[in-house]
Amino acid sequence: MVTAIVFVKAEVAKIPEVAEELAALPGVSEVYSVTGAIDLIVIVRVSSHDQVAEVVADRLNKVPGVLSTETHIAFRAYSQHDLEAAFSLGG
């Protein structure tokens, strides 16, 4: 599995709509609205680097209201506990 973290700058008036549209894209697992120099953080989880390119370059960048992106590929996950808790169905 390849995880990419994408920083997105969006048109301020369209942030909620952009976030919703990004969250609906295949390969996007999470979208966070954040403070600071960027507007949204998008987590992409796919099976190959080619799919990262498809999601980011072919789909995400073309969503109306997206002004720019910066993509970071994760090498390792150091906290499996956090991931397991996030996807746990039990309480």
PDB file of N, CA and C in Angstrom:
ATOM      1  N   MET A   1       0.840  -1.177   0.000  1.00  0.00           N
ATOM      2  CA  MET A   1       0.000   0.000   0.000  1.00  0.00           C
ATOM      3  C   MET A   1       0.885   1.240   0.000  1.00  0.00           C
ATOM      4  N   VAL A   2       0.525   2.214  -0.810  1.00  0.00           N
ATOM      5  CA  VAL A   2       1.222   3.489  -0.889  1.00  0.00           C
ATOM      6  C   VAL A   2       0.324   4.546  -0.247  1.00  0.00           C
ATOM      7  N   THR A   3       0.900   5.312   0.675  1.00  0.00           N
ATOM      8  CA  THR A   3       0.170   6.406   1.300  1.00  0.00           C
ATOM      9  C   THR A   3       0.799   7.713   0.864  1.00  0.00           C
ATOM     10  N   ALA A   4      -0.026   8.619   0.387  1.00  0.00           N
ATOM     11  CA  ALA A   4       0.432   9.957   0.020  1.00  0.00           C
ATOM     12  C   ALA A   4      -0.340  10.964   0.853  1.00  0.00           C
ATOM     13  N   ILE A   5       0.383  11.982   1.300  1.00  0.00           N
ATOM     14  CA  ILE A   5      -0.224  13.089   2.026  1.00  0.00           C
ATOM     15  C   ILE A   5      -0.164  14.290   1.088  1.00  0.00           C
ATOM     16  N   VAL A   6      -1.315  14.846   0.774  1.00  0.00           N
ATOM     17  CA  VAL A   6      -1.387  15.934  -0.202  1.00  0.00           C
ATOM     18  C   VAL A   6      -1.862  17.201   0.496  1.00  0.00           C
ATOM     19  N   PHE A   7      -1.024  18.247   0.438  1.00  0.00           N
ATOM     20  CA  PHE A   7      -1.394  19.563   0.955  1.00  0.00           C
ATOM     21  C   PHE A   7      -2.105  20.306  -0.167  1.00  0.00           C
ATOM     22  N   VAL A   8      -3.276  20.834   0.134  1.00  0.00           N
ATOM     23  CA  VAL A   8      -4.094  21.497  -0.890  1.00  0.00           C
ATOM     24  C   VAL A   8      -4.380  22.938  -0.485  1.00  0.00           C
ATOM     25  N   LYS A   9      -4.112  23.861  -1.399  1.00  0.00           N
ATOM     26  CA  LYS A   9      -4.582  25.234  -1.262  1.00  0.00           C
ATOM     27  C   LYS A   9      -5.827  25.338  -2.129  1.00  0.00           C
ATOM     28  N   ALA A  10      -6.873  25.901  -1.542  1.00  0.00           N
ATOM     29  CA  ALA A  10      -8.158  25.986  -2.243  1.00  0.00           C
ATOM     30  C   ALA A  10      -8.711  27.396  -2.166  1.00  0.00           C
ATOM     31  N   GLU A  11      -9.638  27.691  -3.067  1.00  0.00           N
ATOM     32  CA  GLU A  11     -10.344  28.960  -3.002  1.00  0.00           C
ATOM     33  C   GLU A  11     -11.100  28.995  -1.674  1.00  0.00           C
ATOM     34  N   VAL A  12     -10.868  30.034  -0.890  1.00  0.00           N
ATOM     35  CA  VAL A  12     -11.404  30.106   0.470  1.00  0.00           C
ATOM     36  C   VAL A  12     -12.921  29.914   0.497  1.00  0.00           C
ATOM     37  N   ALA A  13     -13.627  30.545  -0.404  1.00  0.00           N
ATOM     38  CA  ALA A  13     -15.088  30.460  -0.406  1.00  0.00           C
ATOM     39  C   ALA A  13     -15.598  29.072  -0.773  1.00  0.00           C
ATOM     40  N   LYS A  14     -14.728  28.234  -1.331  1.00  0.00           N
ATOM     41  CA  LYS A  14     -15.159  26.911  -1.795  1.00  0.00           C
ATOM     42  C   LYS A  14     -14.572  25.760  -0.974  1.00  0.00           C
ATOM     43  N   ILE A  15     -13.901  26.043   0.139  1.00  0.00           N
ATOM     44  CA  ILE A  15     -13.224  24.979   0.889  1.00  0.00           C
ATOM     45  C   ILE A  15     -14.156  23.826   1.254  1.00  0.00           C
ATOM     46  N   PRO A  16     -15.336  24.060   1.820  1.00  0.00           N
ATOM     47  CA  PRO A  16     -16.201  22.917   2.168  1.00  0.00           C
ATOM     48  C   PRO A  16     -16.592  22.065   0.956  1.00  0.00           C
ATOM     49  N   GLU A  17     -16.920  22.730  -0.155  1.00  0.00           N
ATOM     50  CA  GLU A  17     -17.313  21.992  -1.360  1.00  0.00           C
ATOM     51  C   GLU A  17     -16.129  21.229  -1.952  1.00  0.00           C
ATOM     52  N   VAL A  18     -14.966  21.852  -1.953  1.00  0.00           N
ATOM     53  CA  VAL A  18     -13.759  21.180  -2.455  1.00  0.00           C
ATOM     54  C   VAL A  18     -13.456  19.967  -1.589  1.00  0.00           C
ATOM     55  N   ALA A  19     -13.514  20.128  -0.279  1.00  0.00           N
ATOM     56  CA  ALA A  19     -13.239  19.019   0.631  1.00  0.00           C
ATOM     57  C   ALA A  19     -14.181  17.850   0.386  1.00  0.00           C
ATOM     58  N   GLU A  20     -15.456  18.136   0.205  1.00  0.00           N
ATOM     59  CA  GLU A  20     -16.435  17.066  -0.034  1.00  0.00           C
ATOM     60  C   GLU A  20     -16.158  16.349  -1.350  1.00  0.00           C
ATOM     61  N   GLU A  21     -15.835  17.115  -2.371  1.00  0.00           N
ATOM     62  CA  GLU A  21     -15.552  16.498  -3.671  1.00  0.00           C
ATOM     63  C   GLU A  21     -14.275  15.663  -3.617  1.00  0.00           C
ATOM     64  N   LEU A  22     -13.253  16.162  -2.922  1.00  0.00           N
ATOM     65  CA  LEU A  22     -12.009  15.396  -2.787  1.00  0.00           C
ATOM     66  C   LEU A  22     -12.246  14.115  -2.009  1.00  0.00           C
ATOM     67  N   ALA A  23     -13.041  14.181  -0.951  1.00  0.00           N
ATOM     68  CA  ALA A  23     -13.311  13.004  -0.134  1.00  0.00           C
ATOM     69  C   ALA A  23     -14.023  11.907  -0.919  1.00  0.00           C
ATOM     70  N   ALA A  24     -14.746  12.284  -1.956  1.00  0.00           N
ATOM     71  CA  ALA A  24     -15.489  11.311  -2.763  1.00  0.00           C
ATOM     72  C   ALA A  24     -14.627  10.643  -3.838  1.00  0.00           C
ATOM     73  N   LEU A  25     -13.406  11.122  -4.043  1.00  0.00           N
ATOM     74  CA  LEU A  25     -12.554  10.545  -5.087  1.00  0.00           C
ATOM     75  C   LEU A  25     -12.080   9.150  -4.694  1.00  0.00           C
ATOM     76  N   PRO A  26     -12.070   8.209  -5.637  1.00  0.00           N
ATOM     77  CA  PRO A  26     -11.519   6.881  -5.358  1.00  0.00           C
ATOM     78  C   PRO A  26     -10.043   7.009  -4.976  1.00  0.00           C
ATOM     79  N   GLY A  27      -9.637   6.333  -3.908  1.00  0.00           N
ATOM     80  CA  GLY A  27      -8.261   6.378  -3.440  1.00  0.00           C
ATOM     81  C   GLY A  27      -8.040   7.374  -2.327  1.00  0.00           C
ATOM     82  N   VAL A  28      -8.974   8.287  -2.124  1.00  0.00           N
ATOM     83  CA  VAL A  28      -8.867   9.256  -1.035  1.00  0.00           C
ATOM     84  C   VAL A  28      -9.531   8.646   0.197  1.00  0.00           C
ATOM     85  N   SER A  29      -8.753   8.523   1.288  1.00  0.00           N
ATOM     86  CA  SER A  29      -9.323   7.927   2.497  1.00  0.00           C
ATOM     87  C   SER A  29      -9.783   8.969   3.506  1.00  0.00           C
ATOM     88  N   GLU A  30      -9.128  10.147   3.520  1.00  0.00           N
ATOM     89  CA  GLU A  30      -9.480  11.170   4.497  1.00  0.00           C
ATOM     90  C   GLU A  30      -9.170  12.549   3.923  1.00  0.00           C
ATOM     91  N   VAL A  31      -9.952  13.534   4.362  1.00  0.00           N
ATOM     92  CA  VAL A  31      -9.693  14.933   4.031  1.00  0.00           C
ATOM     93  C   VAL A  31      -9.869  15.731   5.313  1.00  0.00           C
ATOM     94  N   TYR A  32      -8.867  16.555   5.637  1.00  0.00           N
ATOM     95  CA  TYR A  32      -8.909  17.380   6.842  1.00  0.00           C
ATOM     96  C   TYR A  32      -8.834  18.852   6.462  1.00  0.00           C
ATOM     97  N   SER A  33      -9.695  19.656   7.049  1.00  0.00           N
ATOM     98  CA  SER A  33      -9.591  21.103   6.955  1.00  0.00           C
ATOM     99  C   SER A  33      -8.653  21.525   8.086  1.00  0.00           C
ATOM    100  N   VAL A  34      -7.641  22.331   7.759  1.00  0.00           N
ATOM    101  CA  VAL A  34      -6.612  22.665   8.741  1.00  0.00           C
ATOM    102  C   VAL A  34      -6.321  24.162   8.760  1.00  0.00           C
ATOM    103  N   THR A  35      -5.636  24.589   9.815  1.00  0.00           N
ATOM    104  CA  THR A  35      -5.174  25.965   9.898  1.00  0.00           C
ATOM    105  C   THR A  35      -3.771  26.048   9.327  1.00  0.00           C
ATOM    106  N   GLY A  36      -3.343  27.255   9.012  1.00  0.00           N
ATOM    107  CA  GLY A  36      -1.980  27.446   8.537  1.00  0.00           C
ATOM    108  C   GLY A  36      -1.928  27.850   7.076  1.00  0.00           C
ATOM    109  N   ALA A  37      -0.801  27.571   6.460  1.00  0.00           N
ATOM    110  CA  ALA A  37      -0.545  28.016   5.084  1.00  0.00           C
ATOM    111  C   ALA A  37      -1.326  27.224   4.042  1.00  0.00           C
ATOM    112  N   ILE A  38      -1.839  26.064   4.413  1.00  0.00           N
ATOM    113  CA  ILE A  38      -2.635  25.264   3.486  1.00  0.00           C
ATOM    114  C   ILE A  38      -4.055  25.166   4.012  1.00  0.00           C
ATOM    115  N   ASP A  39      -4.962  24.742   3.163  1.00  0.00           N
ATOM    116  CA  ASP A  39      -6.371  24.688   3.549  1.00  0.00           C
ATOM    117  C   ASP A  39      -6.850  23.281   3.887  1.00  0.00           C
ATOM    118  N   LEU A  40      -6.351  22.302   3.137  1.00  0.00           N
ATOM    119  CA  LEU A  40      -6.806  20.925   3.309  1.00  0.00           C
ATOM    120  C   LEU A  40      -5.620  19.971   3.278  1.00  0.00           C
ATOM    121  N   ILE A  41      -5.713  18.896   4.046  1.00  0.00           N
ATOM    122  CA  ILE A  41      -4.766  17.790   3.946  1.00  0.00           C
ATOM    123  C   ILE A  41      -5.564  16.579   3.501  1.00  0.00           C
ATOM    124  N   VAL A  42      -5.107  15.974   2.419  1.00  0.00           N
ATOM    125  CA  VAL A  42      -5.784  14.823   1.831  1.00  0.00           C
ATOM    126  C   VAL A  42      -4.884  13.600   1.993  1.00  0.00           C
ATOM    127  N   ILE A  43      -5.445  12.520   2.521  1.00  0.00           N
ATOM    128  CA  ILE A  43      -4.711  11.268   2.651  1.00  0.00           C
ATOM    129  C   ILE A  43      -5.173  10.341   1.525  1.00  0.00           C
ATOM    130  N   VAL A  44      -4.203   9.935   0.718  1.00  0.00           N
ATOM    131  CA  VAL A  44      -4.473   9.035  -0.410  1.00  0.00           C
ATOM    132  C   VAL A  44      -3.841   7.695  -0.077  1.00  0.00           C
ATOM    133  N   ARG A  45      -4.614   6.619  -0.169  1.00  0.00           N
ATOM    134  CA  ARG A  45      -4.098   5.270   0.064  1.00  0.00           C
ATOM    135  C   ARG A  45      -4.476   4.405  -1.134  1.00  0.00           C
ATOM    136  N   VAL A  46      -3.455   3.989  -1.864  1.00  0.00           N
ATOM    137  CA  VAL A  46      -3.649   3.185  -3.072  1.00  0.00           C
ATOM    138  C   VAL A  46      -2.593   2.090  -3.111  1.00  0.00           C
ATOM    139  N   SER A  47      -2.689   1.210  -4.092  1.00  0.00           N
ATOM    140  CA  SER A  47      -1.779   0.063  -4.128  1.00  0.00           C
ATOM    141  C   SER A  47      -0.492   0.311  -4.905  1.00  0.00           C
ATOM    142  N   SER A  48      -0.398   1.392  -5.676  1.00  0.00           N
ATOM    143  CA  SER A  48       0.820   1.613  -6.460  1.00  0.00           C
ATOM    144  C   SER A  48       1.098   3.104  -6.632  1.00  0.00           C
ATOM    145  N   HIS A  49       2.352   3.415  -6.959  1.00  0.00           N
ATOM    146  CA  HIS A  49       2.723   4.804  -7.219  1.00  0.00           C
ATOM    147  C   HIS A  49       1.997   5.351  -8.453  1.00  0.00           C
ATOM    148  N   ASP A  50       1.761   4.500  -9.433  1.00  0.00           N
ATOM    149  CA  ASP A  50       1.010   4.939 -10.616  1.00  0.00           C
ATOM    150  C   ASP A  50      -0.382   5.412 -10.226  1.00  0.00           C
ATOM    151  N   GLN A  51      -0.987   4.734  -9.255  1.00  0.00           N
ATOM    152  CA  GLN A  51      -2.320   5.134  -8.814  1.00  0.00           C
ATOM    153  C   GLN A  51      -2.291   6.466  -8.072  1.00  0.00           C
ATOM    154  N   VAL A  52      -1.191   6.753  -7.356  1.00  0.00           N
ATOM    155  CA  VAL A  52      -1.051   8.066  -6.726  1.00  0.00           C
ATOM    156  C   VAL A  52      -1.112   9.137  -7.807  1.00  0.00           C
ATOM    157  N   ALA A  53      -0.387   8.919  -8.894  1.00  0.00           N
ATOM    158  CA  ALA A  53      -0.384   9.879  -9.998  1.00  0.00           C
ATOM    159  C   ALA A  53      -1.785  10.043 -10.578  1.00  0.00           C
ATOM    160  N   GLU A  54      -2.508   8.942 -10.722  1.00  0.00           N
ATOM    161  CA  GLU A  54      -3.872   9.015 -11.251  1.00  0.00           C
ATOM    162  C   GLU A  54      -4.771   9.837 -10.336  1.00  0.00           C
ATOM    163  N   VAL A  55      -4.696   9.563  -9.034  1.00  0.00           N
ATOM    164  CA  VAL A  55      -5.567  10.265  -8.094  1.00  0.00           C
ATOM    165  C   VAL A  55      -5.205  11.748  -8.027  1.00  0.00           C
ATOM    166  N   VAL A  56      -3.911  12.051  -7.855  1.00  0.00           N
ATOM    167  CA  VAL A  56      -3.502  13.443  -7.644  1.00  0.00           C
ATOM    168  C   VAL A  56      -3.492  14.236  -8.944  1.00  0.00           C
ATOM    169  N   ALA A  57      -2.754  13.766  -9.926  1.00  0.00           N
ATOM    170  CA  ALA A  57      -2.595  14.546 -11.163  1.00  0.00           C
ATOM    171  C   ALA A  57      -3.825  14.506 -12.050  1.00  0.00           C
ATOM    172  N   ASP A  58      -4.485  13.351 -12.125  1.00  0.00           N
ATOM    173  CA  ASP A  58      -5.597  13.211 -13.061  1.00  0.00           C
ATOM    174  C   ASP A  58      -6.949  13.587 -12.479  1.00  0.00           C
ATOM    175  N   ARG A  59      -7.099  13.543 -11.143  1.00  0.00           N
ATOM    176  CA  ARG A  59      -8.411  13.817 -10.554  1.00  0.00           C
ATOM    177  C   ARG A  59      -8.383  14.979  -9.560  1.00  0.00           C
ATOM    178  N   LEU A  60      -7.572  14.850  -8.518  1.00  0.00           N
ATOM    179  CA  LEU A  60      -7.566  15.830  -7.433  1.00  0.00           C
ATOM    180  C   LEU A  60      -7.246  17.230  -7.934  1.00  0.00           C
ATOM    181  N   ASN A  61      -6.218  17.365  -8.740  1.00  0.00           N
ATOM    182  CA  ASN A  61      -5.820  18.685  -9.252  1.00  0.00           C
ATOM    183  C   ASN A  61      -6.859  19.317 -10.157  1.00  0.00           C
ATOM    184  N   LYS A  62      -7.791  18.531 -10.649  1.00  0.00           N
ATOM    185  CA  LYS A  62      -8.789  19.045 -11.591  1.00  0.00           C
ATOM    186  C   LYS A  62     -10.114  19.409 -10.915  1.00  0.00           C
ATOM    187  N   VAL A  63     -10.182  19.245  -9.609  1.00  0.00           N
ATOM    188  CA  VAL A  63     -11.399  19.611  -8.886  1.00  0.00           C
ATOM    189  C   VAL A  63     -11.511  21.139  -8.871  1.00  0.00           C
ATOM    190  N   PRO A  64     -12.644  21.686  -9.299  1.00  0.00           N
ATOM    191  CA  PRO A  64     -12.809  23.144  -9.284  1.00  0.00           C
ATOM    192  C   PRO A  64     -12.618  23.698  -7.876  1.00  0.00           C
ATOM    193  N   GLY A  65     -11.802  24.736  -7.773  1.00  0.00           N
ATOM    194  CA  GLY A  65     -11.520  25.346  -6.488  1.00  0.00           C
ATOM    195  C   GLY A  65     -10.161  24.967  -5.918  1.00  0.00           C
ATOM    196  N   VAL A  66      -9.534  23.923  -6.462  1.00  0.00           N
ATOM    197  CA  VAL A  66      -8.174  23.562  -6.047  1.00  0.00           C
ATOM    198  C   VAL A  66      -7.216  24.508  -6.756  1.00  0.00           C
ATOM    199  N   LEU A  67      -6.422  25.227  -5.965  1.00  0.00           N
ATOM    200  CA  LEU A  67      -5.473  26.191  -6.526  1.00  0.00           C
ATOM    201  C   LEU A  67      -4.087  25.582  -6.721  1.00  0.00           C
ATOM    202  N   SER A  68      -3.643  24.772  -5.750  1.00  0.00           N
ATOM    203  CA  SER A  68      -2.328  24.131  -5.852  1.00  0.00           C
ATOM    204  C   SER A  68      -2.262  22.951  -4.898  1.00  0.00           C
ATOM    205  N   THR A  69      -1.313  22.051  -5.175  1.00  0.00           N
ATOM    206  CA  THR A  69      -1.116  20.890  -4.314  1.00  0.00           C
ATOM    207  C   THR A  69       0.370  20.651  -4.109  1.00  0.00           C
ATOM    208  N   GLU A  70       0.673  19.980  -3.015  1.00  0.00           N
ATOM    209  CA  GLU A  70       2.028  19.529  -2.725  1.00  0.00           C
ATOM    210  C   GLU A  70       1.894  18.115  -2.166  1.00  0.00           C
ATOM    211  N   THR A  71       2.510  17.144  -2.845  1.00  0.00           N
ATOM    212  CA  THR A  71       2.321  15.740  -2.502  1.00  0.00           C
ATOM    213  C   THR A  71       3.561  15.170  -1.828  1.00  0.00           C
ATOM    214  N   HIS A  72       3.328  14.438  -0.739  1.00  0.00           N
ATOM    215  CA  HIS A  72       4.389  13.769   0.009  1.00  0.00           C
ATOM    216  C   HIS A  72       4.058  12.284   0.078  1.00  0.00           C
ATOM    217  N   ILE A  73       5.016  11.442  -0.286  1.00  0.00           N
ATOM    218  CA  ILE A  73       4.831   9.992  -0.219  1.00  0.00           C
ATOM    219  C   ILE A  73       5.381   9.504   1.115  1.00  0.00           C
ATOM    220  N   ALA A  74       4.601   8.731   1.842  1.00  0.00           N
ATOM    221  CA  ALA A  74       5.036   8.187   3.131  1.00  0.00           C
ATOM    222  C   ALA A  74       5.907   6.954   2.897  1.00  0.00           C
ATOM    223  N   PHE A  75       7.029   6.882   3.631  1.00  0.00           N
ATOM    224  CA  PHE A  75       7.899   5.710   3.562  1.00  0.00           C
ATOM    225  C   PHE A  75       7.445   4.626   4.524  1.00  0.00           C
ATOM    226  N   ARG A  76       7.165   5.018   5.766  1.00  0.00           N
ATOM    227  CA  ARG A  76       6.803   4.066   6.817  1.00  0.00           C
ATOM    228  C   ARG A  76       5.712   4.656   7.702  1.00  0.00           C
ATOM    229  N   ALA A  77       4.924   3.763   8.284  1.00  0.00           N
ATOM    230  CA  ALA A  77       3.978   4.162   9.327  1.00  0.00           C
ATOM    231  C   ALA A  77       4.560   3.677  10.651  1.00  0.00           C
ATOM    232  N   TYR A  78       4.756   4.574  11.577  1.00  0.00           N
ATOM    233  CA  TYR A  78       5.375   4.210  12.846  1.00  0.00           C
ATOM    234  C   TYR A  78       4.376   3.906  13.940  1.00  0.00           C
ATOM    235  N   SER A  79       3.102   4.242  13.735  1.00  0.00           N
ATOM    236  CA  SER A  79       2.107   4.009  14.769  1.00  0.00           C
ATOM    237  C   SER A  79       0.953   3.202  14.201  1.00  0.00           C
ATOM    238  N   GLN A  80       1.095   1.903  14.165  1.00  0.00           N
ATOM    239  CA  GLN A  80       0.016   1.041  13.705  1.00  0.00           C
ATOM    240  C   GLN A  80      -1.175   1.113  14.653  1.00  0.00           C
ATOM    241  N   HIS A  81      -0.920   1.381  15.929  1.00  0.00           N
ATOM    242  CA  HIS A  81      -2.002   1.489  16.906  1.00  0.00           C
ATOM    243  C   HIS A  81      -3.029   2.527  16.483  1.00  0.00           C
ATOM    244  N   ASP A  82      -2.564   3.686  16.028  1.00  0.00           N
ATOM    245  CA  ASP A  82      -3.492   4.740  15.610  1.00  0.00           C
ATOM    246  C   ASP A  82      -4.343   4.298  14.426  1.00  0.00           C
ATOM    247  N   LEU A  83      -3.709   3.622  13.468  1.00  0.00           N
ATOM    248  CA  LEU A  83      -4.453   3.153  12.296  1.00  0.00           C
ATOM    249  C   LEU A  83      -5.457   2.072  12.676  1.00  0.00           C
ATOM    250  N   GLU A  84      -5.050   1.144  13.527  1.00  0.00           N
ATOM    251  CA  GLU A  84      -5.958   0.076  13.949  1.00  0.00           C
ATOM    252  C   GLU A  84      -7.147   0.648  14.712  1.00  0.00           C
ATOM    253  N   ALA A  85      -6.904   1.622  15.587  1.00  0.00           N
ATOM    254  CA  ALA A  85      -7.991   2.223  16.362  1.00  0.00           C
ATOM    255  C   ALA A  85      -8.950   2.968  15.434  1.00  0.00           C
ATOM    256  N   ALA A  86      -8.428   3.621  14.424  1.00  0.00           N
ATOM    257  CA  ALA A  86      -9.282   4.378  13.509  1.00  0.00           C
ATOM    258  C   ALA A  86     -10.207   3.477  12.707  1.00  0.00           C
ATOM    259  N   PHE A  87      -9.776   2.265  12.430  1.00  0.00           N
ATOM    260  CA  PHE A  87     -10.572   1.364  11.602  1.00  0.00           C
ATOM    261  C   PHE A  87     -11.237   0.265  12.401  1.00  0.00           C
ATOM    262  N   SER A  88     -11.155   0.313  13.715  1.00  0.00           N
ATOM    263  CA  SER A  88     -11.745  -0.700  14.567  1.00  0.00           C
ATOM    264  C   SER A  88     -13.271  -0.541  14.582  1.00  0.00           C
ATOM    265  N   LEU A  89     -13.967  -1.664  14.450  1.00  0.00           N
ATOM    266  CA  LEU A  89     -15.422  -1.628  14.511  1.00  0.00           C
ATOM    267  C   LEU A  89     -15.919  -1.828  15.934  1.00  0.00           C
ATOM    268  N   GLY A  90     -15.084  -2.418  16.775  1.00  0.00           N
ATOM    269  CA  GLY A  90     -15.445  -2.634  18.167  1.00  0.00           C
ATOM    270  C   GLY A  90     -15.189  -1.400  18.999  1.00  0.00           C
ATOM    271  N   GLY A  91     -15.728  -1.371  20.209  1.00  0.00           N
ATOM    272  CA  GLY A  91     -15.567  -0.180  21.035  1.00  0.00           C
ATOM    273  C   GLY A  91     -14.429  -0.276  21.922  1.00  0.00           C
TER     274      GLY A  91
END
